Amino acid sequence: MLDRLLALVRRPFRREIEPAGPQYGALPYTVSDGQLVVLLITSRGRGKWIFPKGGLMADKTPWESAAHEAYEEAGVEGEIDHTPIGSYFLPVTDERPAPVEVKMFPLRVSSQREGWKEMGQRYRHWAVLAEARRLITHEGLADLAVALAERELGGAQSPKRSFIRR
């Protein structure tokens, strides 16, 4: 019996392999005093500052899936663009044997909950663009926030949006 327990303890910890295929994320933001402010969350595994993301959900469009992830991971709702602002790639890791493209949809936040599904697993933090650029370590992800700021503050026409409510 003791040998069996010791064998279990000595067995290496295995992380779950992530599914292949694209993911869809929300880039939650608001404009305050003429500045773009984005909502960052921490990843569950490594605690890196990211935006909410996940796989395509059954019976949902990519932008609806992204909005749902923002609701569960960050507790926010609002207007989600139907067109991505761009994409970035998640790098290869032990859990991810191939790079995964994440298409990001801007989400103009209209409400934020005090409690949300993953609040015990993540932190969230509103950041102005300069701070967000310092905190985000995924290559290309901060560039999407910069592109959104140029679009929103530069007077460009916004693409079609939906108001998502749970």
N, C-alpha and C. Protein backbone atom coordinates (compact mmCIF):
# COMPACT_ATOMS: atom_id res chain seq x y z
N MET A 1 0.82 -1.20 0.00
CA MET A 1 0.00 0.00 0.00
C MET A 1 0.87 1.26 0.00
N LEU A 2 1.88 1.29 0.86
CA LEU A 2 2.77 2.45 0.92
C LEU A 2 3.51 2.64 -0.40
N ASP A 3 3.93 1.53 -1.01
CA ASP A 3 4.61 1.61 -2.31
C ASP A 3 3.72 2.26 -3.37
N ARG A 4 2.44 1.93 -3.34
CA ARG A 4 1.48 2.50 -4.29
C ARG A 4 1.34 4.01 -4.10
N LEU A 5 1.24 4.44 -2.85
CA LEU A 5 1.14 5.87 -2.56
C LEU A 5 2.39 6.62 -2.99
N LEU A 6 3.55 6.04 -2.70
CA LEU A 6 4.81 6.67 -3.11
C LEU A 6 4.92 6.78 -4.63
N ALA A 7 4.44 5.78 -5.33
CA ALA A 7 4.46 5.82 -6.79
C ALA A 7 3.59 6.95 -7.31
N LEU A 8 2.44 7.17 -6.68
CA LEU A 8 1.57 8.28 -7.09
C LEU A 8 2.23 9.62 -6.86
N VAL A 9 2.89 9.76 -5.72
CA VAL A 9 3.55 11.03 -5.39
C VAL A 9 4.70 11.30 -6.34
N ARG A 10 5.43 10.26 -6.71
CA ARG A 10 6.59 10.44 -7.59
C ARG A 10 6.22 10.66 -9.04
N ARG A 11 4.97 10.32 -9.42
CA ARG A 11 4.55 10.47 -10.81
C ARG A 11 4.58 11.95 -11.19
N PRO A 12 5.17 12.29 -12.34
CA PRO A 12 5.24 13.71 -12.73
C PRO A 12 3.86 14.29 -12.98
N PHE A 13 3.72 15.56 -12.62
CA PHE A 13 2.46 16.27 -12.83
C PHE A 13 2.30 16.54 -14.32
N ARG A 14 1.16 16.17 -14.89
CA ARG A 14 0.91 16.40 -16.31
C ARG A 14 -0.17 17.44 -16.48
N ARG A 15 0.11 18.44 -17.30
CA ARG A 15 -0.89 19.44 -17.63
C ARG A 15 -1.71 18.93 -18.79
N GLU A 16 -2.93 19.42 -18.85
CA GLU A 16 -3.84 19.02 -19.93
C GLU A 16 -3.39 19.66 -21.25
N ILE A 17 -3.41 18.88 -22.32
CA ILE A 17 -3.06 19.40 -23.64
C ILE A 17 -4.20 20.28 -24.14
N GLU A 18 -3.84 21.48 -24.59
CA GLU A 18 -4.86 22.40 -25.11
C GLU A 18 -5.34 21.93 -26.48
N PRO A 19 -6.63 22.13 -26.77
CA PRO A 19 -7.12 21.75 -28.10
C PRO A 19 -6.50 22.64 -29.18
N ALA A 20 -6.27 22.04 -30.33
CA ALA A 20 -5.74 22.79 -31.47
C ALA A 20 -6.85 23.65 -32.06
N GLY A 21 -6.47 24.59 -32.88
CA GLY A 21 -7.46 25.40 -33.57
C GLY A 21 -7.49 26.82 -33.04
N PRO A 22 -8.17 27.68 -33.75
CA PRO A 22 -8.17 29.09 -33.36
C PRO A 22 -8.92 29.31 -32.05
N GLN A 23 -8.58 30.41 -31.40
CA GLN A 23 -9.30 30.87 -30.23
C GLN A 23 -9.79 32.27 -30.51
N TYR A 24 -10.71 32.73 -29.67
CA TYR A 24 -11.33 34.04 -29.87
C TYR A 24 -11.30 34.78 -28.54
N GLY A 25 -10.85 36.02 -28.60
CA GLY A 25 -10.72 36.79 -27.38
C GLY A 25 -11.41 38.13 -27.48
N ALA A 26 -11.69 38.68 -26.30
CA ALA A 26 -12.27 40.01 -26.19
C ALA A 26 -11.18 40.95 -25.70
N LEU A 27 -11.18 42.15 -26.25
CA LEU A 27 -10.28 43.19 -25.78
C LEU A 27 -11.17 44.23 -25.08
N PRO A 28 -11.43 44.04 -23.77
CA PRO A 28 -12.34 44.94 -23.05
C PRO A 28 -11.71 46.32 -22.88
N TYR A 29 -12.50 47.37 -23.17
CA TYR A 29 -11.95 48.71 -23.08
C TYR A 29 -13.05 49.72 -22.79
N THR A 30 -12.61 50.91 -22.42
CA THR A 30 -13.46 52.08 -22.33
C THR A 30 -12.57 53.27 -22.67
N VAL A 31 -13.20 54.41 -22.88
CA VAL A 31 -12.44 55.64 -23.10
C VAL A 31 -12.78 56.56 -21.95
N SER A 32 -11.74 57.04 -21.27
CA SER A 32 -11.92 57.91 -20.11
C SER A 32 -10.97 59.10 -20.23
N ASP A 33 -11.52 60.29 -20.13
CA ASP A 33 -10.72 61.52 -20.24
C ASP A 33 -9.83 61.52 -21.47
N GLY A 34 -10.37 61.02 -22.59
CA GLY A 34 -9.64 61.03 -23.85
C GLY A 34 -8.57 59.96 -23.98
N GLN A 35 -8.52 59.02 -23.04
CA GLN A 35 -7.54 57.94 -23.10
C GLN A 35 -8.24 56.59 -23.19
N LEU A 36 -7.65 55.69 -23.97
CA LEU A 36 -8.14 54.32 -24.00
C LEU A 36 -7.65 53.62 -22.74
N VAL A 37 -8.57 52.94 -22.06
CA VAL A 37 -8.25 52.16 -20.87
C VAL A 37 -8.71 50.73 -21.15
N VAL A 38 -7.83 49.75 -20.93
CA VAL A 38 -8.15 48.35 -21.22
C VAL A 38 -8.21 47.55 -19.93
N LEU A 39 -9.00 46.49 -19.95
CA LEU A 39 -9.11 45.60 -18.80
C LEU A 39 -8.27 44.36 -19.03
N LEU A 40 -7.25 44.19 -18.22
CA LEU A 40 -6.39 43.01 -18.28
C LEU A 40 -6.81 42.03 -17.20
N ILE A 41 -6.59 40.75 -17.47
CA ILE A 41 -6.78 39.72 -16.46
C ILE A 41 -5.52 38.87 -16.42
N THR A 42 -5.35 38.13 -15.34
CA THR A 42 -4.21 37.23 -15.27
C THR A 42 -4.61 35.87 -15.83
N SER A 43 -3.64 35.22 -16.46
CA SER A 43 -3.86 33.85 -16.92
C SER A 43 -3.87 32.94 -15.69
N ARG A 44 -4.56 31.83 -15.80
CA ARG A 44 -4.64 30.91 -14.66
C ARG A 44 -3.33 30.18 -14.43
N GLY A 45 -2.67 29.77 -15.49
CA GLY A 45 -1.47 28.95 -15.34
C GLY A 45 -0.24 29.69 -14.87
N ARG A 46 0.08 30.78 -15.52
CA ARG A 46 1.35 31.46 -15.24
C ARG A 46 1.19 32.86 -14.66
N GLY A 47 -0.04 33.33 -14.54
CA GLY A 47 -0.28 34.64 -13.95
C GLY A 47 0.16 35.81 -14.81
N LYS A 48 0.23 35.60 -16.13
CA LYS A 48 0.60 36.69 -17.05
C LYS A 48 -0.62 37.55 -17.33
N TRP A 49 -0.38 38.81 -17.63
CA TRP A 49 -1.47 39.74 -17.96
C TRP A 49 -1.88 39.52 -19.40
N ILE A 50 -3.17 39.22 -19.59
CA ILE A 50 -3.73 38.90 -20.90
C ILE A 50 -5.12 39.52 -21.01
N PHE A 51 -5.79 39.25 -22.11
CA PHE A 51 -7.20 39.58 -22.29
C PHE A 51 -7.97 38.25 -22.30
N PRO A 52 -9.26 38.27 -21.97
CA PRO A 52 -10.06 37.04 -21.97
C PRO A 52 -10.08 36.38 -23.35
N LYS A 53 -9.99 35.05 -23.36
CA LYS A 53 -9.99 34.31 -24.62
C LYS A 53 -10.41 32.87 -24.38
N GLY A 54 -10.78 32.18 -25.46
CA GLY A 54 -11.14 30.77 -25.39
C GLY A 54 -11.53 30.25 -26.75
N GLY A 55 -11.92 29.00 -26.79
CA GLY A 55 -12.31 28.37 -28.04
C GLY A 55 -13.71 28.77 -28.48
N LEU A 56 -14.05 28.39 -29.70
CA LEU A 56 -15.38 28.66 -30.24
C LEU A 56 -16.40 27.82 -29.49
N MET A 57 -17.47 28.46 -29.02
CA MET A 57 -18.52 27.76 -28.27
C MET A 57 -19.62 27.31 -29.22
N ALA A 58 -20.22 26.20 -28.88
CA ALA A 58 -21.31 25.65 -29.70
C ALA A 58 -22.43 26.67 -29.83
N ASP A 59 -22.95 26.81 -31.02
CA ASP A 59 -24.08 27.71 -31.31
C ASP A 59 -23.77 29.18 -31.06
N LYS A 60 -22.50 29.57 -31.09
CA LYS A 60 -22.12 30.98 -30.93
C LYS A 60 -21.19 31.37 -32.06
N THR A 61 -21.24 32.64 -32.43
CA THR A 61 -20.31 33.19 -33.41
C THR A 61 -18.97 33.41 -32.70
N PRO A 62 -17.90 33.65 -33.45
CA PRO A 62 -16.62 33.95 -32.79
C PRO A 62 -16.72 35.15 -31.84
N TRP A 63 -17.42 36.23 -32.24
CA TRP A 63 -17.49 37.40 -31.35
C TRP A 63 -18.38 37.14 -30.14
N GLU A 64 -19.40 36.32 -30.29
CA GLU A 64 -20.22 35.95 -29.12
C GLU A 64 -19.43 35.08 -28.15
N SER A 65 -18.60 34.19 -28.69
CA SER A 65 -17.73 33.37 -27.84
C SER A 65 -16.76 34.25 -27.07
N ALA A 66 -16.19 35.24 -27.75
CA ALA A 66 -15.26 36.17 -27.10
C ALA A 66 -15.96 36.96 -25.99
N ALA A 67 -17.17 37.43 -26.26
CA ALA A 67 -17.92 38.18 -25.24
C ALA A 67 -18.25 37.30 -24.05
N HIS A 68 -18.57 36.05 -24.30
CA HIS A 68 -18.87 35.11 -23.22
C HIS A 68 -17.63 34.89 -22.35
N GLU A 69 -16.47 34.76 -22.97
CA GLU A 69 -15.22 34.60 -22.22
C GLU A 69 -14.97 35.83 -21.34
N ALA A 70 -15.23 37.02 -21.85
CA ALA A 70 -15.05 38.25 -21.06
C ALA A 70 -15.97 38.25 -19.86
N TYR A 71 -17.18 37.75 -20.03
CA TYR A 71 -18.14 37.69 -18.93
C TYR A 71 -17.67 36.71 -17.85
N GLU A 72 -17.22 35.52 -18.27
CA GLU A 72 -16.80 34.51 -17.30
C GLU A 72 -15.45 34.83 -16.66
N GLU A 73 -14.48 35.29 -17.46
CA GLU A 73 -13.12 35.47 -16.96
C GLU A 73 -12.90 36.83 -16.30
N ALA A 74 -13.67 37.85 -16.69
CA ALA A 74 -13.44 39.20 -16.17
C ALA A 74 -14.69 39.86 -15.58
N GLY A 75 -15.85 39.27 -15.78
CA GLY A 75 -17.07 39.83 -15.21
C GLY A 75 -17.56 41.10 -15.87
N VAL A 76 -17.28 41.25 -17.19
CA VAL A 76 -17.70 42.46 -17.90
C VAL A 76 -18.61 42.12 -19.07
N GLU A 77 -19.46 43.10 -19.41
CA GLU A 77 -20.37 43.01 -20.55
C GLU A 77 -20.33 44.33 -21.30
N GLY A 78 -20.79 44.29 -22.55
CA GLY A 78 -20.84 45.51 -23.34
C GLY A 78 -21.09 45.23 -24.80
N GLU A 79 -20.65 46.17 -25.64
CA GLU A 79 -20.82 46.05 -27.09
C GLU A 79 -19.57 45.40 -27.67
N ILE A 80 -19.79 44.30 -28.41
CA ILE A 80 -18.67 43.57 -29.01
C ILE A 80 -18.67 43.80 -30.52
N ASP A 81 -17.51 44.14 -31.06
CA ASP A 81 -17.39 44.30 -32.51
C ASP A 81 -17.55 42.94 -33.19
N HIS A 82 -18.09 42.97 -34.40
CA HIS A 82 -18.23 41.74 -35.19
C HIS A 82 -16.97 41.45 -35.99
N THR A 83 -16.07 42.41 -36.06
CA THR A 83 -14.83 42.26 -36.82
C THR A 83 -13.65 42.32 -35.86
N PRO A 84 -12.73 41.36 -35.93
CA PRO A 84 -11.57 41.41 -35.03
C PRO A 84 -10.68 42.61 -35.33
N ILE A 85 -10.04 43.14 -34.30
CA ILE A 85 -9.07 44.23 -34.47
C ILE A 85 -7.75 43.65 -34.99
N GLY A 86 -7.59 42.34 -34.87
CA GLY A 86 -6.39 41.65 -35.32
C GLY A 86 -6.25 40.33 -34.59
N SER A 87 -5.08 39.74 -34.67
CA SER A 87 -4.84 38.47 -33.99
C SER A 87 -3.39 38.40 -33.52
N TYR A 88 -3.15 37.45 -32.63
CA TYR A 88 -1.79 37.16 -32.18
C TYR A 88 -1.69 35.65 -32.02
N PHE A 89 -0.48 35.14 -31.82
CA PHE A 89 -0.28 33.71 -31.70
C PHE A 89 0.22 33.34 -30.32
N LEU A 90 -0.41 32.31 -29.75
CA LEU A 90 0.08 31.74 -28.50
C LEU A 90 1.26 30.85 -28.85
N PRO A 91 2.35 30.94 -28.11
CA PRO A 91 3.54 30.15 -28.45
C PRO A 91 3.38 28.68 -28.08
N VAL A 92 4.29 27.88 -28.58
CA VAL A 92 4.35 26.45 -28.27
C VAL A 92 4.81 26.29 -26.81
N THR A 93 4.12 25.42 -26.08
CA THR A 93 4.50 25.07 -24.70
C THR A 93 4.30 23.57 -24.55
N ASP A 94 4.55 23.06 -23.35
CA ASP A 94 4.31 21.64 -23.08
C ASP A 94 2.84 21.30 -23.28
N GLU A 95 1.96 22.23 -22.92
CA GLU A 95 0.51 21.99 -23.04
C GLU A 95 -0.03 22.33 -24.43
N ARG A 96 0.75 23.07 -25.21
CA ARG A 96 0.31 23.53 -26.52
C ARG A 96 1.38 23.16 -27.54
N PRO A 97 1.23 21.99 -28.22
CA PRO A 97 2.28 21.51 -29.11
C PRO A 97 2.44 22.30 -30.41
N ALA A 98 1.50 23.18 -30.73
CA ALA A 98 1.59 24.01 -31.94
C ALA A 98 1.10 25.41 -31.61
N PRO A 99 1.59 26.43 -32.32
CA PRO A 99 1.09 27.79 -32.08
C PRO A 99 -0.41 27.86 -32.36
N VAL A 100 -1.11 28.70 -31.60
CA VAL A 100 -2.56 28.86 -31.76
C VAL A 100 -2.85 30.33 -32.03
N GLU A 101 -3.60 30.59 -33.11
CA GLU A 101 -4.00 31.96 -33.43
C GLU A 101 -5.19 32.36 -32.56
N VAL A 102 -5.12 33.57 -32.01
CA VAL A 102 -6.22 34.12 -31.21
C VAL A 102 -6.70 35.40 -31.90
N LYS A 103 -7.93 35.39 -32.40
CA LYS A 103 -8.52 36.56 -33.03
C LYS A 103 -9.21 37.38 -31.94
N MET A 104 -8.89 38.68 -31.90
CA MET A 104 -9.35 39.55 -30.81
C MET A 104 -10.43 40.52 -31.29
N PHE A 105 -11.54 40.53 -30.55
CA PHE A 105 -12.68 41.39 -30.84
C PHE A 105 -12.80 42.49 -29.78
N PRO A 106 -12.76 43.76 -30.16
CA PRO A 106 -12.94 44.83 -29.17
C PRO A 106 -14.30 44.75 -28.49
N LEU A 107 -14.31 44.94 -27.18
CA LEU A 107 -15.53 44.92 -26.37
C LEU A 107 -15.58 46.21 -25.56
N ARG A 108 -16.46 47.12 -25.97
CA ARG A 108 -16.62 48.38 -25.22
C ARG A 108 -17.48 48.07 -23.99
N VAL A 109 -16.86 48.13 -22.83
CA VAL A 109 -17.49 47.70 -21.58
C VAL A 109 -18.54 48.70 -21.14
N SER A 110 -19.72 48.17 -20.80
CA SER A 110 -20.80 49.02 -20.27
C SER A 110 -21.16 48.65 -18.83
N SER A 111 -20.79 47.43 -18.41
CA SER A 111 -21.04 47.06 -17.01
C SER A 111 -19.98 46.07 -16.54
N GLN A 112 -19.70 46.17 -15.24
CA GLN A 112 -18.71 45.31 -14.61
C GLN A 112 -19.31 44.76 -13.32
N ARG A 113 -19.25 43.45 -13.16
CA ARG A 113 -19.80 42.80 -11.97
C ARG A 113 -18.74 42.76 -10.86
N GLU A 114 -19.22 42.83 -9.62
CA GLU A 114 -18.32 42.69 -8.48
C GLU A 114 -17.92 41.23 -8.27
N GLY A 115 -18.82 40.32 -8.62
CA GLY A 115 -18.51 38.90 -8.54
C GLY A 115 -18.70 38.29 -9.92
N TRP A 116 -17.84 37.35 -10.28
CA TRP A 116 -17.96 36.70 -11.58
C TRP A 116 -17.41 35.28 -11.47
N LYS A 117 -17.67 34.47 -12.47
CA LYS A 117 -17.39 33.03 -12.41
C LYS A 117 -15.95 32.70 -12.01
N GLU A 118 -14.96 33.34 -12.63
CA GLU A 118 -13.56 32.98 -12.40
C GLU A 118 -12.82 33.95 -11.48
N MET A 119 -13.54 34.69 -10.63
CA MET A 119 -12.88 35.69 -9.80
C MET A 119 -11.91 35.08 -8.80
N GLY A 120 -12.10 33.84 -8.40
CA GLY A 120 -11.17 33.20 -7.49
C GLY A 120 -9.93 32.66 -8.17
N GLN A 121 -9.90 32.73 -9.51
CA GLN A 121 -8.78 32.17 -10.28
C GLN A 121 -7.95 33.23 -10.99
N ARG A 122 -8.47 34.46 -11.03
CA ARG A 122 -7.81 35.52 -11.81
C ARG A 122 -7.91 36.85 -11.09
N TYR A 123 -6.96 37.73 -11.40
CA TYR A 123 -7.06 39.14 -11.02
C TYR A 123 -7.47 39.91 -12.26
N ARG A 124 -8.09 41.07 -12.07
CA ARG A 124 -8.37 41.95 -13.21
C ARG A 124 -7.85 43.35 -12.85
N HIS A 125 -7.48 44.08 -13.89
CA HIS A 125 -6.86 45.39 -13.67
C HIS A 125 -7.10 46.29 -14.88
N TRP A 126 -7.70 47.46 -14.63
CA TRP A 126 -7.86 48.46 -15.68
C TRP A 126 -6.54 49.21 -15.83
N ALA A 127 -6.07 49.37 -17.06
CA ALA A 127 -4.77 50.01 -17.30
C ALA A 127 -4.85 50.95 -18.50
N VAL A 128 -4.20 52.10 -18.37
CA VAL A 128 -4.05 52.97 -19.54
C VAL A 128 -3.07 52.27 -20.48
N LEU A 129 -3.03 52.72 -21.71
CA LEU A 129 -2.28 52.03 -22.75
C LEU A 129 -0.79 51.85 -22.40
N ALA A 130 -0.16 52.89 -21.87
CA ALA A 130 1.27 52.79 -21.55
C ALA A 130 1.53 51.69 -20.52
N GLU A 131 0.70 51.61 -19.50
CA GLU A 131 0.87 50.57 -18.48
C GLU A 131 0.57 49.20 -19.07
N ALA A 132 -0.47 49.09 -19.87
CA ALA A 132 -0.82 47.81 -20.49
C ALA A 132 0.34 47.30 -21.34
N ARG A 133 0.99 48.19 -22.05
CA ARG A 133 2.13 47.78 -22.90
C ARG A 133 3.27 47.22 -22.05
N ARG A 134 3.45 47.76 -20.85
CA ARG A 134 4.50 47.25 -19.96
C ARG A 134 4.12 45.90 -19.35
N LEU A 135 2.84 45.71 -19.06
CA LEU A 135 2.41 44.49 -18.36
C LEU A 135 2.25 43.28 -19.27
N ILE A 136 1.84 43.51 -20.52
CA ILE A 136 1.57 42.40 -21.45
C ILE A 136 2.88 41.86 -22.00
N THR A 137 3.06 40.53 -21.88
CA THR A 137 4.30 39.92 -22.36
C THR A 137 4.11 39.09 -23.63
N HIS A 138 2.88 38.71 -23.97
CA HIS A 138 2.66 37.95 -25.21
C HIS A 138 2.97 38.84 -26.41
N GLU A 139 3.83 38.34 -27.29
CA GLU A 139 4.24 39.10 -28.46
C GLU A 139 3.03 39.40 -29.35
N GLY A 140 2.85 40.66 -29.69
CA GLY A 140 1.78 41.07 -30.58
C GLY A 140 0.49 41.46 -29.88
N LEU A 141 0.29 41.06 -28.63
CA LEU A 141 -0.96 41.34 -27.95
C LEU A 141 -1.09 42.82 -27.60
N ALA A 142 -0.05 43.43 -27.11
CA ALA A 142 -0.11 44.87 -26.79
C ALA A 142 -0.33 45.69 -28.06
N ASP A 143 0.19 45.23 -29.18
CA ASP A 143 0.02 45.94 -30.46
C ASP A 143 -1.46 46.06 -30.83
N LEU A 144 -2.26 45.07 -30.44
CA LEU A 144 -3.69 45.12 -30.74
C LEU A 144 -4.38 46.21 -29.94
N ALA A 145 -3.95 46.40 -28.70
CA ALA A 145 -4.49 47.49 -27.88
C ALA A 145 -4.10 48.84 -28.47
N VAL A 146 -2.88 48.95 -28.99
CA VAL A 146 -2.43 50.18 -29.64
C VAL A 146 -3.28 50.44 -30.89
N ALA A 147 -3.52 49.41 -31.69
CA ALA A 147 -4.35 49.57 -32.90
C ALA A 147 -5.77 50.01 -32.53
N LEU A 148 -6.29 49.46 -31.44
CA LEU A 148 -7.63 49.86 -30.99
C LEU A 148 -7.64 51.31 -30.55
N ALA A 149 -6.61 51.75 -29.85
CA ALA A 149 -6.53 53.15 -29.42
C ALA A 149 -6.47 54.08 -30.62
N GLU A 150 -5.70 53.71 -31.63
CA GLU A 150 -5.63 54.52 -32.85
C GLU A 150 -6.99 54.61 -33.53
N ARG A 151 -7.70 53.49 -33.57
CA ARG A 151 -9.02 53.49 -34.18
C ARG A 151 -10.02 54.32 -33.37
N GLU A 152 -10.08 54.09 -32.08
CA GLU A 152 -11.07 54.76 -31.24
C GLU A 152 -10.77 56.24 -31.03
N LEU A 153 -9.52 56.59 -30.90
CA LEU A 153 -9.16 57.98 -30.61
C LEU A 153 -8.81 58.77 -31.86
N GLY A 154 -8.62 58.04 -32.97
CA GLY A 154 -8.25 58.69 -34.22
C GLY A 154 -9.44 59.07 -35.08
N GLY A 155 -10.66 58.78 -34.61
CA GLY A 155 -11.87 59.17 -35.34
C GLY A 155 -12.29 58.22 -36.43
N ALA A 156 -11.70 57.02 -36.51
CA ALA A 156 -12.09 56.06 -37.54
C ALA A 156 -13.49 55.52 -37.24
N GLN A 157 -14.20 55.14 -38.29
CA GLN A 157 -15.52 54.56 -38.14
C GLN A 157 -15.41 53.19 -37.48
N SER A 158 -16.26 52.91 -36.51
CA SER A 158 -16.28 51.59 -35.86
C SER A 158 -17.04 50.60 -36.72
N PRO A 159 -16.58 49.33 -36.75
CA PRO A 159 -17.34 48.31 -37.46
C PRO A 159 -18.62 47.97 -36.70
N LYS A 160 -19.47 47.18 -37.33
CA LYS A 160 -20.74 46.78 -36.74
C LYS A 160 -20.51 46.11 -35.38
N ARG A 161 -21.41 46.40 -34.42
CA ARG A 161 -21.30 45.85 -33.05
C ARG A 161 -22.62 45.25 -32.63
N SER A 162 -22.55 44.38 -31.62
CA SER A 162 -23.74 43.83 -30.97
C SER A 162 -23.64 44.14 -29.49
N PHE A 163 -24.76 44.39 -28.86
CA PHE A 163 -24.78 44.54 -27.42
C PHE A 163 -25.06 43.17 -26.84
N ILE A 164 -24.14 42.65 -26.04
CA ILE A 164 -24.28 41.31 -25.47
C ILE A 164 -24.74 41.46 -24.02
N ARG A 165 -25.81 40.78 -23.69
CA ARG A 165 -26.35 40.80 -22.34
C ARG A 165 -26.63 39.37 -21.92
N ARG A 166 -26.33 39.04 -20.69
CA ARG A 166 -26.59 37.69 -20.16
C ARG A 166 -27.90 37.66 -19.43
